Amino acid sequence: MNELSNSKELYEKAKLYISGGISSQIRTLEHSKVPIFIKKAKGSKIWDVDNNEYIDYIQGMGPNIFGHAPDFLNNAISNEIKKGMIYAAQFENEIEVAQKALKILNADNWTVRFASSGTEINQLLIRLIRGYTNRQLFIKFEGHYHGWMDSINYSVHPDLEYAGDEISPIPVPESTGMDILTSKSVIIARWNDIEHLNKIFEKYSDNIAGVIMEPILANTNCIIPDKSYLESVKKLCHNNGSLLAFDEVITGFRILKGSAKEYFGIEPDLATFAKSFAGGFPIAMLSGRNEIMKLVGDGIVYHGGSFNSNVASIAAASASLDVMINDNNFYEDLDNKGKKLMEGIEKLSHELDSNIHVQGLGSVFSISFTNKKNIKDWREHFNYCDENKYKIFCELMFNKGIRLSSNGRVHLSTAHTSEDIDLTLKAIKSTLLKLKER
C-alpha cells in the first residue's frame, strides 16, 4: 500500500483554508485514503508529495492529450506570455486558432467563439439555441454531463428510484441549492432510443428549442450510439424547427478524425469543445453554422468573459492544433495505443473469467464490471454495472501505481508508451486475480 503521510498532512492543512480541502468535488473520489497532493507530473506519469509514482490515465480528466507538461507546449506558451497575458482586446493568434480548429472540423460554413471552460461554453450554447429559435424548452439525456450550472445539471447520474419510469423520466438535480425553476425548461430523455425521443417531440413539438447531447457518451461507459441514431435525431430536430447540438467537450479533437461530426458524418447545428485542443490549458469553444452564430456576433445573444482567448490558452491551442494537423498519423497512433490496452483487458477478461468490461474508442474508453456485452444508456449502467467492484479494483490498481478515474473513463495521451500499457496490463491481471479471491 502506498505511503500517503505527506498527502494526509497537507489535506488536513488544506481543510483549514479551502472548503473541503479540495477545489473540485470529484477529487474527493480519488482511490486513496485521502485526496493525493501532486508534486510534479511529466508525460504519462505523476508523482505525489510522498514520492509515489503513478502511470496516469486521468490526465486532468482528459485535457492532457500530449501528457503532462509537454515541452513543445511549454516553449510555445513561454514565448507568447512574455508579450502579455490578458489584453481585453483581439490579437492575430486568436484568428489562427479558429482557422486551424475549423480545418480539423472540416467546417467551412461555421464560425466560433472562445471561452475558458466546458461548463460556461455550454451555457452559451443553451442561450443561443433559445435565442435563435425563440423557444424555451430543450432536451437533455440521462447520463450526459454538460457542466455544473443550475440550468443543465439534471439527471447526470440519477438514482433510478427518483428518476421516474422509462416512459417519462423526470429531472433529478445533482445538487441541493439549485434553482428548481430551471427544471421547468429542461426535458429529460433516455438516450439511444429514437422511438422514445419521437414521443417527446410529439408531446412538446414546437416548444422545443433544441437537443443537446454527448454524441459519444463519454460520461457513461463511453457509449457509441446505435447505428443511424444521430442521423434520426437530426432529422427529428429539423422537421420540428429545433436545433441539434453536440457537446464534444471530452471527445472533440481527441477521437479519430477529430470530432463526432467527422467520425459519424453527421453535422450538428452547433457544437462545443474544450479540454484536449489546448493540451491542458483552459479553453473552450462554441462553433456552428454562420447564420446561428451570427446572433452571438451581433450581440443579440450576449456573451462575455475577461479570460476568453487569453494569450496562454490561445498559444497552447495553436501549438496543439499544429501537431494534430501536421502529423498525419496523430489520431490513428493515439487510437492504436488505446486499442492495445482495450484488447489486452478483453483478453484478460476471457482468460480469467472476469466480468471486467471495456467500451468506447481507443483514445477515450470506459472500464466497468458487468455481464452485459454492451451498455447502451444510463439506466443499463445503473442496473447492470457493479460500481462497488470497480471502486475496489481502482483502489488495488492505485496501490500498484496505476491511477484510474472514479467514473471509469480512461484517457490516453501521446506520452503513454508501450511499456506503460504492458505494466498496466500486468497490474490489471494481478488485480483481477486478487478480486477473484474475495
Protein backbone atom coordinates (compact mmCIF):
# COMPACT_ATOMS: atom_id res chain seq x y z
CA MET A 1 0.00 0.00 0.00
CA ASN A 2 1.31 3.46 -0.92
CA GLU A 3 2.59 5.68 1.88
CA LEU A 4 0.50 8.88 1.89
CA SER A 5 1.53 10.58 5.12
CA ASN A 6 2.54 13.84 3.42
CA SER A 7 -0.71 13.97 1.43
CA LYS A 8 -2.63 13.35 4.67
CA GLU A 9 -0.80 16.19 6.39
CA LEU A 10 -1.42 18.61 3.51
CA TYR A 11 -5.06 17.57 3.30
CA GLU A 12 -5.60 18.41 6.96
CA LYS A 13 -3.91 21.75 6.41
CA ALA A 14 -5.91 22.43 3.24
CA LYS A 15 -9.20 21.87 5.06
CA LEU A 16 -8.37 24.84 7.30
CA TYR A 17 -8.26 27.20 4.34
CA ILE A 18 -10.02 25.54 1.39
CA SER A 19 -13.59 24.35 1.78
CA GLY A 20 -13.41 20.57 2.00
CA GLY A 21 -9.69 20.74 1.31
CA ILE A 22 -10.25 20.39 -2.44
CA SER A 23 -11.18 22.67 -5.36
CA SER A 24 -13.41 20.29 -7.33
CA GLN A 25 -15.74 17.79 -5.73
CA ILE A 26 -14.67 14.88 -7.92
CA ARG A 27 -11.23 14.98 -6.27
CA THR A 28 -12.69 13.51 -3.10
CA LEU A 29 -13.27 10.34 -5.15
CA GLU A 30 -9.57 9.61 -5.65
CA HIS A 31 -8.99 5.92 -4.97
CA SER A 32 -6.84 6.56 -1.93
CA LYS A 33 -7.44 7.20 1.76
CA VAL A 34 -7.18 10.97 1.17
CA PRO A 35 -7.05 13.15 -1.94
CA ILE A 36 -3.46 12.95 -3.12
CA PHE A 37 -1.30 16.05 -3.45
CA ILE A 38 0.87 16.16 -6.55
CA LYS A 39 4.50 17.27 -6.52
CA LYS A 40 5.16 17.07 -10.25
CA ALA A 41 3.94 15.49 -13.47
CA LYS A 42 5.60 14.73 -16.78
CA GLY A 43 4.40 12.75 -19.78
CA SER A 44 2.35 9.74 -18.73
CA LYS A 45 3.42 9.93 -15.08
CA ILE A 46 2.64 11.87 -11.92
CA TRP A 47 4.46 11.89 -8.58
CA ASP A 48 2.76 12.74 -5.29
CA VAL A 49 4.30 14.51 -2.30
CA ASP A 50 5.15 11.12 -0.80
CA ASN A 51 7.24 10.31 -3.90
CA ASN A 52 4.84 7.64 -5.15
CA GLU A 53 4.94 7.32 -8.95
CA TYR A 54 1.79 6.61 -10.98
CA ILE A 55 1.02 5.90 -14.61
CA ASP A 56 -1.76 8.42 -15.03
CA TYR A 57 -4.86 7.61 -17.09
CA ILE A 58 -6.85 10.53 -15.70
CA GLN A 59 -4.66 13.10 -17.43
CA GLY A 60 -6.51 16.07 -15.94
CA MET A 61 -9.87 14.38 -16.76
CA GLY A 62 -8.97 14.48 -20.45
CA PRO A 63 -7.21 17.73 -21.41
CA ASN A 64 -3.63 16.39 -21.36
CA ILE A 65 -3.76 14.70 -24.74
CA PHE A 66 0.03 15.09 -25.06
CA GLY A 67 0.62 14.00 -21.48
CA HIS A 68 1.75 16.23 -18.63
CA ALA A 69 3.93 19.29 -19.29
CA PRO A 70 4.89 18.62 -22.94
CA ASP A 71 7.99 20.60 -23.84
CA PHE A 72 6.68 21.96 -27.13
CA LEU A 73 3.66 23.49 -25.37
CA ASN A 74 5.73 24.90 -22.54
CA ASN A 75 8.05 26.56 -25.04
CA ALA A 76 5.25 27.97 -27.18
CA ILE A 77 3.44 29.43 -24.18
CA SER A 78 6.59 30.81 -22.57
CA ASN A 79 7.40 32.77 -25.71
CA GLU A 80 3.92 34.27 -26.02
CA ILE A 81 3.21 35.27 -22.41
CA LYS A 82 6.32 37.45 -22.36
CA LYS A 83 4.24 39.82 -24.51
CA GLY A 84 1.29 39.86 -22.10
CA MET A 85 -1.37 37.59 -20.65
CA ILE A 86 -4.82 39.18 -20.97
CA TYR A 87 -5.33 42.07 -23.38
CA ALA A 88 -9.12 42.52 -23.24
CA ALA A 89 -8.64 43.00 -26.96
CA GLN A 90 -8.18 40.87 -30.06
CA PHE A 91 -4.89 39.52 -31.41
CA GLU A 92 -3.88 37.64 -34.54
CA ASN A 93 -3.19 34.25 -32.94
CA GLU A 94 -6.87 34.02 -32.00
CA ILE A 95 -7.85 34.09 -35.68
CA GLU A 96 -5.26 31.43 -36.48
CA VAL A 97 -6.60 29.10 -33.78
CA ALA A 98 -10.13 29.50 -35.12
CA GLN A 99 -8.90 28.71 -38.66
CA LYS A 100 -6.97 25.65 -37.53
CA ALA A 101 -9.86 24.32 -35.43
CA LEU A 102 -12.34 24.71 -38.27
CA LYS A 103 -9.89 22.98 -40.62
CA ILE A 104 -9.83 19.88 -38.42
CA LEU A 105 -13.60 20.04 -38.04
CA ASN A 106 -13.95 20.41 -41.83
CA ALA A 107 -16.50 23.17 -41.26
CA ASP A 108 -16.19 25.90 -43.87
CA ASN A 109 -19.59 27.37 -43.06
CA TRP A 110 -19.01 27.60 -39.29
CA THR A 111 -17.66 30.32 -37.01
CA VAL A 112 -16.55 30.08 -33.39
CA ARG A 113 -16.47 31.81 -30.00
CA PHE A 114 -13.92 31.11 -27.27
CA ALA A 115 -14.36 30.79 -23.51
CA SER A 116 -12.48 29.11 -20.66
CA SER A 117 -14.42 26.00 -19.60
CA GLY A 118 -16.87 23.40 -20.81
CA THR A 119 -19.45 24.46 -18.24
CA GLU A 120 -19.58 28.07 -19.41
CA ILE A 121 -19.47 27.30 -23.13
CA ASN A 122 -22.48 25.01 -22.74
CA GLN A 123 -24.34 27.84 -21.03
CA LEU A 124 -23.73 29.97 -24.10
CA LEU A 125 -24.92 27.06 -26.25
CA ILE A 126 -28.21 26.82 -24.36
CA ARG A 127 -28.73 30.57 -24.54
CA LEU A 128 -28.06 30.53 -28.27
CA ILE A 129 -30.45 27.71 -29.16
CA ARG A 130 -33.16 29.59 -27.25
CA GLY A 131 -32.27 32.90 -28.85
CA TYR A 132 -32.24 31.51 -32.35
CA THR A 133 -35.48 29.51 -32.10
CA ASN A 134 -37.31 31.85 -29.70
CA ARG A 135 -38.31 28.76 -27.70
CA GLN A 136 -37.61 27.88 -24.07
CA LEU A 137 -37.56 24.09 -23.71
CA PHE A 138 -34.57 21.92 -24.51
CA ILE A 139 -33.92 18.18 -24.26
CA LYS A 140 -31.02 16.60 -22.39
CA PHE A 141 -30.40 12.91 -21.77
CA GLU A 142 -29.84 10.81 -18.66
CA GLY A 143 -26.18 10.04 -18.09
CA HIS A 144 -24.94 13.05 -20.08
CA TYR A 145 -22.99 15.83 -18.36
CA HIS A 146 -22.86 19.39 -19.68
CA GLY A 147 -21.45 21.27 -16.71
CA TRP A 148 -22.45 22.06 -13.16
CA MET A 149 -24.69 25.13 -13.68
CA ASP A 150 -28.30 25.01 -12.49
CA SER A 151 -29.86 25.15 -15.96
CA ILE A 152 -28.35 21.84 -17.08
CA ASN A 153 -27.16 19.91 -14.02
CA TYR A 154 -30.02 17.42 -14.02
CA SER A 155 -30.13 13.63 -14.31
CA VAL A 156 -26.41 13.26 -14.88
CA HIS A 157 -26.17 10.01 -12.91
CA PRO A 158 -29.52 9.81 -11.14
CA ASP A 159 -30.62 7.12 -8.74
CA LEU A 160 -33.43 5.43 -10.67
CA GLU A 161 -35.55 5.40 -7.52
CA TYR A 162 -36.05 9.13 -8.09
CA ALA A 163 -35.72 9.36 -11.88
CA GLY A 164 -39.21 8.33 -12.93
CA ASP A 165 -40.10 5.46 -15.21
CA GLU A 166 -38.62 4.68 -18.62
CA ILE A 167 -41.51 6.29 -20.45
CA SER A 168 -41.41 9.61 -18.58
CA PRO A 169 -38.05 10.34 -16.92
CA ILE A 170 -38.07 13.33 -14.59
CA PRO A 171 -35.31 15.88 -13.90
CA VAL A 172 -33.21 14.86 -10.90
CA PRO A 173 -31.00 17.70 -9.61
CA GLU A 174 -27.36 16.81 -8.97
CA SER A 175 -27.10 19.18 -6.02
CA THR A 176 -29.05 20.88 -3.31
CA GLY A 177 -29.28 24.65 -3.66
CA MET A 178 -30.16 24.55 -7.34
CA ASP A 179 -32.86 26.86 -8.67
CA ILE A 180 -35.72 24.39 -9.04
CA LEU A 181 -37.42 26.66 -11.56
CA THR A 182 -34.73 25.71 -14.07
CA SER A 183 -36.19 22.20 -14.14
CA LYS A 184 -39.24 23.63 -15.93
CA SER A 185 -37.12 24.33 -19.01
CA VAL A 186 -35.35 21.00 -19.38
CA ILE A 187 -36.92 17.82 -20.74
CA ILE A 188 -35.17 14.63 -19.64
CA ALA A 189 -34.99 11.78 -22.14
CA ARG A 190 -33.40 8.35 -22.38
CA TRP A 191 -30.57 8.24 -24.88
CA ASN A 192 -30.12 5.85 -27.78
CA ASP A 193 -33.88 5.23 -28.16
CA ILE A 194 -35.31 7.11 -31.13
CA GLU A 195 -38.88 5.97 -30.53
CA HIS A 196 -38.76 7.41 -27.02
CA LEU A 197 -37.48 10.71 -28.43
CA ASN A 198 -40.18 10.71 -31.10
CA LYS A 199 -42.85 10.61 -28.41
CA ILE A 200 -41.27 13.55 -26.59
CA PHE A 201 -41.30 15.60 -29.80
CA GLU A 202 -44.92 14.67 -30.37
CA LYS A 203 -45.76 15.89 -26.87
CA TYR A 204 -43.82 19.19 -26.84
CA SER A 205 -43.45 19.82 -30.59
CA ASP A 206 -42.80 23.49 -31.40
CA ASN A 207 -41.89 24.37 -27.82
CA ILE A 208 -38.56 22.53 -28.18
CA ALA A 209 -35.64 24.83 -28.91
CA GLY A 210 -33.15 22.04 -29.35
CA VAL A 211 -31.48 18.83 -28.26
CA ILE A 212 -28.09 18.75 -26.53
CA MET A 213 -26.13 15.51 -26.22
CA GLU A 214 -22.72 13.93 -25.96
CA PRO A 215 -22.64 12.22 -29.38
CA ILE A 216 -20.32 9.66 -27.81
CA LEU A 217 -21.48 9.25 -24.23
CA ALA A 218 -18.13 9.71 -22.51
CA ASN A 219 -19.68 10.34 -19.09
CA THR A 220 -21.41 6.95 -19.06
CA ASN A 221 -19.41 3.94 -20.32
CA CYS A 222 -18.15 5.83 -23.40
CA ILE A 223 -21.19 4.58 -25.32
CA ILE A 224 -21.15 4.71 -29.12
CA PRO A 225 -24.68 5.49 -30.35
CA ASP A 226 -26.68 2.91 -32.23
CA LYS A 227 -26.32 2.99 -36.00
CA SER A 228 -28.45 5.75 -37.57
CA TYR A 229 -29.41 7.20 -34.15
CA LEU A 230 -27.64 10.54 -34.62
CA GLU A 231 -28.98 10.90 -38.14
CA SER A 232 -32.52 10.16 -36.91
CA VAL A 233 -32.22 12.72 -34.09
CA LYS A 234 -31.02 15.36 -36.55
CA LYS A 235 -33.95 14.68 -38.86
CA LEU A 236 -36.37 14.83 -35.94
CA CYS A 237 -34.93 18.18 -34.83
CA HIS A 238 -35.00 19.79 -38.25
CA ASN A 239 -38.52 18.60 -39.04
CA ASN A 240 -39.56 20.34 -35.84
CA GLY A 241 -37.61 23.56 -36.37
CA SER A 242 -35.32 22.64 -33.45
CA LEU A 243 -31.53 22.67 -33.29
CA LEU A 244 -29.19 19.74 -32.72
CA ALA A 245 -26.16 20.44 -30.52
CA PHE A 246 -23.20 18.16 -29.83
CA ASP A 247 -21.28 18.52 -26.58
CA GLU A 248 -17.77 17.43 -27.54
CA VAL A 249 -16.03 18.88 -24.51
CA ILE A 250 -14.44 15.44 -23.95
CA THR A 251 -14.35 13.86 -27.41
CA GLY A 252 -13.54 16.91 -29.54
CA PHE A 253 -10.03 16.94 -31.05
CA ARG A 254 -9.37 13.62 -29.26
CA ILE A 255 -11.13 10.91 -31.27
CA LEU A 256 -10.35 9.66 -34.77
CA LYS A 257 -10.94 12.36 -37.41
CA GLY A 258 -11.05 14.96 -34.64
CA SER A 259 -14.76 15.12 -33.86
CA ALA A 260 -18.01 13.17 -33.81
CA LYS A 261 -19.14 15.31 -36.73
CA GLU A 262 -16.38 13.84 -38.87
CA TYR A 263 -16.33 10.40 -37.25
CA PHE A 264 -20.03 9.76 -37.88
CA GLY A 265 -20.52 12.07 -40.86
CA ILE A 266 -23.36 13.86 -39.07
CA GLU A 267 -23.18 17.65 -38.86
CA PRO A 268 -24.97 19.24 -35.89
CA ASP A 269 -26.16 22.83 -35.95
CA LEU A 270 -23.86 23.72 -33.04
CA ALA A 271 -21.07 22.00 -31.13
CA THR A 272 -18.99 22.75 -28.06
CA PHE A 273 -15.37 21.80 -27.47
CA ALA A 274 -12.86 22.11 -24.62
CA LYS A 275 -10.23 20.02 -22.79
CA SER A 276 -7.98 18.40 -25.41
CA PHE A 277 -7.31 21.07 -28.00
CA ALA A 278 -5.08 23.21 -25.78
CA GLY A 279 -3.14 20.31 -24.29
CA GLY A 280 -4.06 21.07 -20.68
CA PHE A 281 -4.68 24.82 -20.75
CA PRO A 282 -8.16 26.20 -20.01
CA ILE A 283 -10.05 26.89 -23.21
CA ALA A 284 -13.48 26.14 -24.64
CA MET A 285 -15.11 26.82 -27.98
CA LEU A 286 -18.65 27.10 -29.32
CA SER A 287 -18.90 26.56 -33.05
CA GLY A 288 -21.71 26.25 -35.51
CA ARG A 289 -23.48 27.42 -38.62
CA ASN A 290 -22.84 31.04 -39.51
CA GLU A 291 -26.48 32.07 -39.55
CA ILE A 292 -26.93 30.81 -35.98
CA MET A 293 -23.62 32.08 -34.59
CA LYS A 294 -24.38 35.49 -36.10
CA LEU A 295 -26.68 36.16 -33.13
CA VAL A 296 -23.65 35.95 -30.84
CA GLY A 297 -21.55 38.04 -33.19
CA ASP A 298 -24.20 40.76 -33.33
CA GLY A 299 -24.63 40.74 -29.54
CA ILE A 300 -28.29 39.73 -29.76
CA VAL A 301 -27.28 36.68 -27.73
CA TYR A 302 -24.86 38.14 -25.20
CA HIS A 303 -21.51 36.54 -24.45
CA GLY A 304 -18.72 37.96 -22.27
CA GLY A 305 -15.70 36.83 -20.28
CA SER A 306 -12.46 38.51 -19.22
CA PHE A 307 -10.40 35.34 -19.65
CA ASN A 308 -11.78 34.40 -23.07
CA SER A 309 -8.98 33.79 -25.60
CA ASN A 310 -6.23 34.65 -23.11
CA VAL A 311 -2.72 34.60 -24.51
CA ALA A 312 -1.52 31.40 -22.80
CA SER A 313 -4.53 29.30 -23.77
CA ILE A 314 -4.55 30.52 -27.35
CA ALA A 315 -0.81 29.83 -27.66
CA ALA A 316 -1.34 26.32 -26.29
CA ALA A 317 -4.27 25.69 -28.63
CA SER A 318 -2.31 26.94 -31.63
CA ALA A 319 0.66 24.68 -30.91
CA SER A 320 -1.61 21.70 -30.16
CA LEU A 321 -3.63 22.08 -33.33
CA ASP A 322 -0.44 22.35 -35.39
CA VAL A 323 0.56 18.87 -34.23
CA MET A 324 -2.91 17.47 -34.93
CA ILE A 325 -2.91 18.95 -38.44
CA ASN A 326 0.69 18.29 -39.47
CA ASP A 327 1.09 14.77 -38.07
CA ASN A 328 -0.93 12.66 -40.50
CA ASN A 329 -0.86 9.70 -38.11
CA PHE A 330 -1.66 11.62 -34.94
CA TYR A 331 -5.18 10.33 -34.35
CA GLU A 332 -4.51 6.83 -35.62
CA ASP A 333 -1.44 6.42 -33.40
CA LEU A 334 -3.32 7.69 -30.34
CA ASP A 335 -6.26 5.41 -31.08
CA ASN A 336 -3.99 2.39 -31.57
CA LYS A 337 -2.43 2.88 -28.13
CA GLY A 338 -5.85 2.77 -26.52
CA LYS A 339 -6.92 -0.20 -28.62
CA LYS A 340 -3.87 -2.13 -27.44
CA LEU A 341 -4.90 -1.50 -23.84
CA MET A 342 -8.56 -2.31 -24.52
CA GLU A 343 -7.72 -5.53 -26.34
CA GLY A 344 -5.38 -6.52 -23.54
CA ILE A 345 -8.11 -6.03 -20.96
CA GLU A 346 -10.60 -8.00 -23.05
CA LYS A 347 -8.10 -10.85 -23.36
CA LEU A 348 -7.57 -10.89 -19.59
CA SER A 349 -11.32 -10.87 -19.07
CA HIS A 350 -11.65 -14.08 -21.10
CA GLU A 351 -8.56 -15.77 -19.67
CA LEU A 352 -9.50 -15.08 -16.06
CA ASP A 353 -13.27 -15.46 -16.49
CA SER A 354 -13.74 -11.93 -15.21
CA ASN A 355 -16.63 -9.59 -15.95
CA ILE A 356 -14.35 -6.59 -16.44
CA HIS A 357 -15.70 -4.72 -19.46
CA VAL A 358 -14.28 -2.07 -21.80
CA GLN A 359 -16.29 0.10 -24.13
CA GLY A 360 -15.55 3.13 -26.30
CA LEU A 361 -12.78 4.28 -28.61
CA GLY A 362 -9.04 3.89 -28.25
CA SER A 363 -8.22 7.45 -27.21
CA VAL A 364 -11.01 7.52 -24.64
CA PHE A 365 -12.82 4.47 -23.29
CA SER A 366 -14.51 3.21 -20.16
CA ILE A 367 -13.85 0.35 -17.75
CA SER A 368 -16.70 -1.22 -15.78
CA PHE A 369 -17.72 -4.56 -14.31
CA THR A 370 -20.81 -6.02 -15.92
CA ASN A 371 -22.07 -9.21 -17.51
CA LYS A 372 -23.74 -7.33 -20.36
CA LYS A 373 -21.97 -7.29 -23.69
CA ASN A 374 -22.69 -3.60 -24.21
CA ILE A 375 -24.21 -0.82 -22.10
CA LYS A 376 -26.45 1.40 -24.20
CA ASP A 377 -27.65 4.11 -21.76
CA TRP A 378 -27.53 5.32 -18.15
CA ARG A 379 -30.34 3.04 -16.96
CA GLU A 380 -28.48 -0.03 -18.15
CA HIS A 381 -25.34 1.19 -16.41
CA PHE A 382 -27.24 1.75 -13.18
CA ASN A 383 -28.91 -1.65 -13.28
CA TYR A 384 -26.10 -3.83 -14.61
CA CYS A 385 -22.72 -2.30 -13.68
CA ASP A 386 -21.09 -3.10 -10.34
CA GLU A 387 -19.71 0.26 -9.22
CA ASN A 388 -18.52 -1.07 -5.86
CA LYS A 389 -16.39 -3.71 -7.60
CA TYR A 390 -14.95 -1.04 -9.87
CA LYS A 391 -14.08 1.07 -6.82
CA ILE A 392 -12.22 -1.82 -5.18
CA PHE A 393 -10.47 -2.54 -8.49
CA CYS A 394 -9.25 1.06 -8.71
CA GLU A 395 -8.06 1.08 -5.11
CA LEU A 396 -5.96 -2.03 -5.78
CA MET A 397 -4.63 -0.56 -9.02
CA PHE A 398 -3.78 2.71 -7.28
CA ASN A 399 -1.60 0.82 -4.84
CA LYS A 400 0.19 -0.74 -7.82
CA GLY A 401 0.97 2.70 -9.24
CA ILE A 402 -1.85 2.92 -11.81
CA ARG A 403 -4.13 5.95 -11.44
CA LEU A 404 -7.65 5.49 -12.85
CA SER A 405 -10.63 7.85 -12.75
CA SER A 406 -13.57 7.40 -10.40
CA ASN A 407 -16.09 7.43 -13.28
CA GLY A 408 -14.39 4.65 -15.24
CA ARG A 409 -13.14 6.82 -18.09
CA VAL A 410 -9.63 6.19 -19.40
CA HIS A 411 -7.77 8.96 -21.25
CA LEU A 412 -4.87 8.01 -23.46
CA SER A 413 -2.16 10.51 -24.28
CA THR A 414 0.59 10.54 -26.87
CA ALA A 415 3.02 10.26 -23.93
CA HIS A 416 1.80 6.80 -22.90
CA THR A 417 4.30 4.19 -24.04
CA SER A 418 4.07 0.51 -24.90
CA GLU A 419 5.89 -0.15 -21.64
CA ASP A 420 3.21 1.84 -19.74
CA ILE A 421 0.49 -0.28 -21.33
CA ASP A 422 2.33 -3.54 -20.63
CA LEU A 423 2.84 -2.56 -16.98
CA THR A 424 -0.82 -1.57 -16.74
CA LEU A 425 -2.00 -4.90 -18.13
CA LYS A 426 0.31 -6.74 -15.73
CA ALA A 427 -1.22 -4.78 -12.83
CA ILE A 428 -4.74 -5.46 -14.10
CA LYS A 429 -4.04 -9.20 -14.29
CA SER A 430 -2.80 -9.43 -10.69
CA THR A 431 -5.68 -7.21 -9.52
CA LEU A 432 -8.31 -9.35 -11.23
CA LEU A 433 -6.79 -12.46 -9.67
CA LYS A 434 -6.96 -10.80 -6.28
CA LEU A 435 -10.59 -9.84 -6.86
CA LYS A 436 -11.41 -13.50 -7.62
CA GLU A 437 -10.11 -14.42 -4.16
CA ARG A 438 -12.61 -12.15 -2.44
